[in-house]
Amino acid sequence: GKSTLIGIISSLVNLSEGQVEVFGSDLVRNRSATMRLIGLVPQEINFNLFEKPFDILVNYAGFYGVPREEAEQRAEEELKRAHLWEKAQVMSRTLSGG
C-alpha cells in the first residue's frame, strides 16, 4: 500500500504497471526531471551520523541528478523553511529524529 506507493514515487521500487505523475511530470518518461520535484525524508537512519544536515541534503540531491549549485541553494531554502538553518552545520548525531 503506502510503502509501495512511496517506493514507486521515489524510484526505490520499479513501477510494474500504471502511470505516476508528479506535478504533471511523468515518472517513466521524464525520470530525472520528475525526481527533482520529489523530497523524501525517511525516519530510519541511513546516512553518516557525523555528517551535517546541509551536506546530507546536498549529497542526496546529487543522487537524484540535481546539480551541486542548485542542491546547495535548495538545501539552504528548505532548511530555512523548516526553521532548521541554525542546525545546518551541526553533526546529525546530535539532532532528534522526532
N, C-alpha and C. Protein backbone atom coordinates (compact mmCIF):
# COMPACT_ATOMS: atom_id res chain seq x y z
N GLY A 1 0.79 -1.20 0.00
CA GLY A 1 0.00 0.00 0.00
C GLY A 1 0.83 1.27 0.00
N LYS A 2 0.85 1.93 1.15
CA LYS A 2 1.51 3.24 1.25
C LYS A 2 3.01 3.14 1.00
N SER A 3 3.66 2.13 1.59
CA SER A 3 5.11 1.99 1.42
C SER A 3 5.47 1.72 -0.03
N THR A 4 4.67 0.89 -0.70
CA THR A 4 4.92 0.60 -2.11
C THR A 4 4.75 1.86 -2.95
N LEU A 5 3.70 2.62 -2.69
CA LEU A 5 3.48 3.87 -3.43
C LEU A 5 4.64 4.83 -3.24
N ILE A 6 5.07 5.01 -2.00
CA ILE A 6 6.20 5.91 -1.74
C ILE A 6 7.45 5.37 -2.42
N GLY A 7 7.65 4.05 -2.38
CA GLY A 7 8.80 3.45 -3.05
C GLY A 7 8.78 3.68 -4.54
N ILE A 8 7.62 3.56 -5.17
CA ILE A 8 7.49 3.79 -6.61
C ILE A 8 7.74 5.26 -6.94
N ILE A 9 7.11 6.15 -6.20
CA ILE A 9 7.26 7.59 -6.47
C ILE A 9 8.71 8.03 -6.30
N SER A 10 9.40 7.45 -5.32
CA SER A 10 10.78 7.85 -5.07
C SER A 10 11.79 7.03 -5.87
N SER A 11 11.31 6.14 -6.73
CA SER A 11 12.15 5.28 -7.58
C SER A 11 12.93 4.23 -6.81
N LEU A 12 12.51 3.91 -5.60
CA LEU A 12 13.15 2.83 -4.85
C LEU A 12 12.54 1.49 -5.23
N VAL A 13 11.34 1.52 -5.82
CA VAL A 13 10.64 0.33 -6.29
C VAL A 13 10.26 0.57 -7.75
N ASN A 14 10.49 -0.42 -8.61
CA ASN A 14 10.15 -0.27 -10.03
C ASN A 14 8.64 -0.34 -10.24
N LEU A 15 8.15 0.52 -11.10
CA LEU A 15 6.74 0.55 -11.47
C LEU A 15 6.48 -0.59 -12.45
N SER A 16 5.55 -1.48 -12.12
CA SER A 16 5.27 -2.63 -12.99
C SER A 16 4.10 -2.37 -13.93
N GLU A 17 3.20 -1.49 -13.53
CA GLU A 17 2.08 -1.12 -14.40
C GLU A 17 1.53 0.21 -13.94
N GLY A 18 0.75 0.83 -14.81
CA GLY A 18 0.15 2.11 -14.48
C GLY A 18 1.08 3.28 -14.79
N GLN A 19 0.74 4.42 -14.24
CA GLN A 19 1.47 5.65 -14.54
C GLN A 19 1.55 6.49 -13.27
N VAL A 20 2.68 7.19 -13.10
CA VAL A 20 2.85 8.10 -11.97
C VAL A 20 3.26 9.46 -12.52
N GLU A 21 2.52 10.48 -12.12
CA GLU A 21 2.87 11.85 -12.46
C GLU A 21 3.06 12.64 -11.18
N VAL A 22 4.08 13.49 -11.17
CA VAL A 22 4.34 14.38 -10.05
C VAL A 22 4.30 15.79 -10.59
N PHE A 23 3.32 16.56 -10.15
CA PHE A 23 3.11 17.92 -10.65
C PHE A 23 3.11 17.95 -12.18
N GLY A 24 2.48 16.95 -12.79
CA GLY A 24 2.34 16.89 -14.24
C GLY A 24 3.51 16.27 -14.97
N SER A 25 4.57 15.90 -14.27
CA SER A 25 5.75 15.30 -14.89
C SER A 25 5.67 13.78 -14.77
N ASP A 26 5.74 13.08 -15.91
CA ASP A 26 5.62 11.62 -15.94
C ASP A 26 6.91 10.97 -15.44
N LEU A 27 6.78 10.13 -14.41
CA LEU A 27 7.94 9.49 -13.78
C LEU A 27 8.70 8.59 -14.74
N VAL A 28 8.00 7.85 -15.60
CA VAL A 28 8.66 6.92 -16.51
C VAL A 28 9.31 7.66 -17.68
N ARG A 29 8.59 8.57 -18.28
CA ARG A 29 9.10 9.28 -19.47
C ARG A 29 10.18 10.31 -19.14
N ASN A 30 10.09 10.91 -17.96
CA ASN A 30 11.00 12.00 -17.61
C ASN A 30 11.50 11.83 -16.18
N ARG A 31 12.12 10.69 -15.92
CA ARG A 31 12.53 10.33 -14.56
C ARG A 31 13.40 11.39 -13.89
N SER A 32 14.43 11.86 -14.56
CA SER A 32 15.36 12.80 -13.95
C SER A 32 14.66 14.10 -13.53
N ALA A 33 13.87 14.66 -14.42
CA ALA A 33 13.16 15.91 -14.11
C ALA A 33 12.13 15.68 -13.02
N THR A 34 11.45 14.53 -13.06
CA THR A 34 10.43 14.23 -12.05
C THR A 34 11.07 14.05 -10.68
N MET A 35 12.21 13.38 -10.63
CA MET A 35 12.87 13.15 -9.34
C MET A 35 13.31 14.46 -8.69
N ARG A 36 13.57 15.47 -9.49
CA ARG A 36 13.95 16.78 -8.93
C ARG A 36 12.79 17.44 -8.20
N LEU A 37 11.58 16.97 -8.46
CA LEU A 37 10.39 17.55 -7.83
C LEU A 37 10.03 16.87 -6.51
N ILE A 38 10.76 15.81 -6.17
CA ILE A 38 10.40 14.97 -5.02
C ILE A 38 11.40 15.15 -3.88
N GLY A 39 10.86 15.21 -2.68
CA GLY A 39 11.69 15.19 -1.47
C GLY A 39 11.22 14.05 -0.58
N LEU A 40 12.13 13.23 -0.12
CA LEU A 40 11.77 12.09 0.72
C LEU A 40 12.66 12.12 1.96
N VAL A 41 12.05 12.09 3.12
CA VAL A 41 12.80 12.10 4.38
C VAL A 41 12.43 10.84 5.16
N PRO A 42 13.24 9.79 5.06
CA PRO A 42 12.93 8.57 5.80
C PRO A 42 13.20 8.75 7.29
N GLN A 43 12.45 8.07 8.13
CA GLN A 43 12.65 8.16 9.58
C GLN A 43 13.88 7.37 10.02
N GLU A 44 14.12 6.21 9.38
CA GLU A 44 15.26 5.41 9.80
C GLU A 44 16.56 6.08 9.38
N ILE A 45 17.60 5.83 10.17
CA ILE A 45 18.90 6.46 9.92
C ILE A 45 19.62 5.66 8.84
N ASN A 46 19.91 6.31 7.73
CA ASN A 46 20.63 5.65 6.65
C ASN A 46 21.66 6.60 6.04
N PHE A 47 22.29 7.38 6.92
CA PHE A 47 23.34 8.29 6.49
C PHE A 47 24.41 8.34 7.57
N ASN A 48 25.52 8.96 7.27
CA ASN A 48 26.62 9.10 8.22
C ASN A 48 26.22 10.06 9.33
N LEU A 49 26.17 9.57 10.55
CA LEU A 49 25.75 10.40 11.69
C LEU A 49 26.71 11.54 11.99
N PHE A 50 27.89 11.50 11.39
CA PHE A 50 28.86 12.57 11.60
C PHE A 50 28.79 13.63 10.51
N GLU A 51 27.89 13.41 9.54
CA GLU A 51 27.65 14.42 8.50
C GLU A 51 26.74 15.51 9.04
N LYS A 52 26.80 16.65 8.40
CA LYS A 52 25.95 17.79 8.78
C LYS A 52 24.69 17.78 7.91
N PRO A 53 23.56 18.23 8.44
CA PRO A 53 22.31 18.22 7.68
C PRO A 53 22.43 18.87 6.30
N PHE A 54 23.12 19.99 6.21
CA PHE A 54 23.27 20.67 4.92
C PHE A 54 23.94 19.74 3.92
N ASP A 55 25.03 19.09 4.34
CA ASP A 55 25.78 18.20 3.45
C ASP A 55 24.96 16.97 3.06
N ILE A 56 24.17 16.46 4.00
CA ILE A 56 23.32 15.30 3.71
C ILE A 56 22.33 15.66 2.61
N LEU A 57 21.67 16.80 2.74
CA LEU A 57 20.69 17.22 1.74
C LEU A 57 21.33 17.41 0.37
N VAL A 58 22.49 18.04 0.34
CA VAL A 58 23.19 18.28 -0.93
C VAL A 58 23.59 16.95 -1.57
N ASN A 59 24.12 16.03 -0.78
CA ASN A 59 24.54 14.73 -1.31
C ASN A 59 23.35 13.92 -1.83
N TYR A 60 22.26 13.89 -1.08
CA TYR A 60 21.08 13.15 -1.53
C TYR A 60 20.50 13.76 -2.80
N ALA A 61 20.51 15.07 -2.91
CA ALA A 61 20.02 15.72 -4.13
C ALA A 61 20.86 15.26 -5.32
N GLY A 62 22.16 15.09 -5.10
CA GLY A 62 23.04 14.62 -6.16
C GLY A 62 22.67 13.23 -6.65
N PHE A 63 22.18 12.37 -5.75
CA PHE A 63 21.74 11.03 -6.14
C PHE A 63 20.60 11.11 -7.15
N TYR A 64 19.84 12.18 -7.11
CA TYR A 64 18.68 12.36 -8.00
C TYR A 64 19.00 13.28 -9.17
N GLY A 65 20.27 13.57 -9.39
CA GLY A 65 20.67 14.33 -10.56
C GLY A 65 20.57 15.84 -10.44
N VAL A 66 20.37 16.35 -9.23
CA VAL A 66 20.30 17.80 -9.04
C VAL A 66 21.72 18.34 -9.04
N PRO A 67 22.03 19.32 -9.89
CA PRO A 67 23.38 19.89 -9.92
C PRO A 67 23.76 20.47 -8.55
N ARG A 68 25.04 20.38 -8.19
CA ARG A 68 25.50 20.77 -6.85
C ARG A 68 25.10 22.20 -6.48
N GLU A 69 25.31 23.15 -7.36
CA GLU A 69 24.98 24.54 -7.04
C GLU A 69 23.49 24.69 -6.71
N GLU A 70 22.64 24.05 -7.51
CA GLU A 70 21.20 24.09 -7.26
C GLU A 70 20.87 23.37 -5.96
N ALA A 71 21.54 22.25 -5.71
CA ALA A 71 21.30 21.48 -4.48
C ALA A 71 21.65 22.30 -3.24
N GLU A 72 22.76 23.02 -3.30
CA GLU A 72 23.16 23.86 -2.17
C GLU A 72 22.14 24.96 -1.91
N GLN A 73 21.68 25.59 -2.98
CA GLN A 73 20.68 26.65 -2.85
C GLN A 73 19.38 26.09 -2.27
N ARG A 74 18.94 24.96 -2.80
CA ARG A 74 17.68 24.36 -2.32
C ARG A 74 17.81 23.85 -0.89
N ALA A 75 18.97 23.30 -0.54
CA ALA A 75 19.18 22.83 0.83
C ALA A 75 19.05 23.99 1.81
N GLU A 76 19.65 25.11 1.47
CA GLU A 76 19.54 26.30 2.33
C GLU A 76 18.08 26.75 2.44
N GLU A 77 17.40 26.83 1.30
CA GLU A 77 16.00 27.26 1.31
C GLU A 77 15.13 26.34 2.17
N GLU A 78 15.31 25.04 2.01
CA GLU A 78 14.46 24.09 2.73
C GLU A 78 14.78 24.05 4.22
N LEU A 79 16.06 24.15 4.57
CA LEU A 79 16.41 24.19 5.99
C LEU A 79 15.84 25.45 6.65
N LYS A 80 15.88 26.56 5.93
CA LYS A 80 15.29 27.79 6.47
C LYS A 80 13.78 27.66 6.59
N ARG A 81 13.15 27.07 5.58
CA ARG A 81 11.70 26.90 5.59
C ARG A 81 11.26 26.01 6.76
N ALA A 82 12.09 25.03 7.10
CA ALA A 82 11.78 24.12 8.21
C ALA A 82 12.28 24.67 9.55
N HIS A 83 12.77 25.89 9.53
CA HIS A 83 13.31 26.54 10.74
C HIS A 83 14.46 25.72 11.33
N LEU A 84 15.30 25.17 10.45
CA LEU A 84 16.44 24.36 10.88
C LEU A 84 17.78 24.92 10.39
N TRP A 85 17.77 26.12 9.83
CA TRP A 85 19.00 26.67 9.28
C TRP A 85 20.11 26.76 10.33
N GLU A 86 19.73 27.06 11.58
CA GLU A 86 20.74 27.17 12.64
C GLU A 86 21.36 25.81 12.97
N LYS A 87 20.77 24.73 12.50
CA LYS A 87 21.30 23.38 12.72
C LYS A 87 22.01 22.83 11.48
N ALA A 88 22.14 23.63 10.44
CA ALA A 88 22.67 23.16 9.16
C ALA A 88 24.09 22.62 9.25
N GLN A 89 24.88 23.14 10.18
CA GLN A 89 26.30 22.77 10.24
C GLN A 89 26.67 22.02 11.52
N VAL A 90 25.68 21.41 12.18
CA VAL A 90 25.99 20.60 13.36
C VAL A 90 25.96 19.12 12.96
N MET A 91 26.65 18.28 13.70
CA MET A 91 26.64 16.85 13.39
C MET A 91 25.25 16.27 13.59
N SER A 92 24.82 15.49 12.63
CA SER A 92 23.47 14.93 12.66
C SER A 92 23.21 14.07 13.89
N ARG A 93 24.24 13.44 14.40
CA ARG A 93 24.05 12.56 15.56
C ARG A 93 23.56 13.32 16.79
N THR A 94 23.71 14.65 16.77
CA THR A 94 23.28 15.45 17.92
C THR A 94 21.82 15.88 17.81
N LEU A 95 21.17 15.57 16.68
CA LEU A 95 19.80 16.02 16.44
C LEU A 95 18.78 14.94 16.77
N SER A 96 17.58 15.37 17.11
CA SER A 96 16.48 14.46 17.38
C SER A 96 15.87 13.98 16.07
N GLY A 97 15.45 12.72 16.01
CA GLY A 97 14.80 12.19 14.82
C GLY A 97 13.31 12.43 14.81
N GLY A 98 12.76 12.86 15.91
CA GLY A 98 11.31 13.01 16.03
C GLY A 98 10.85 14.36 15.88
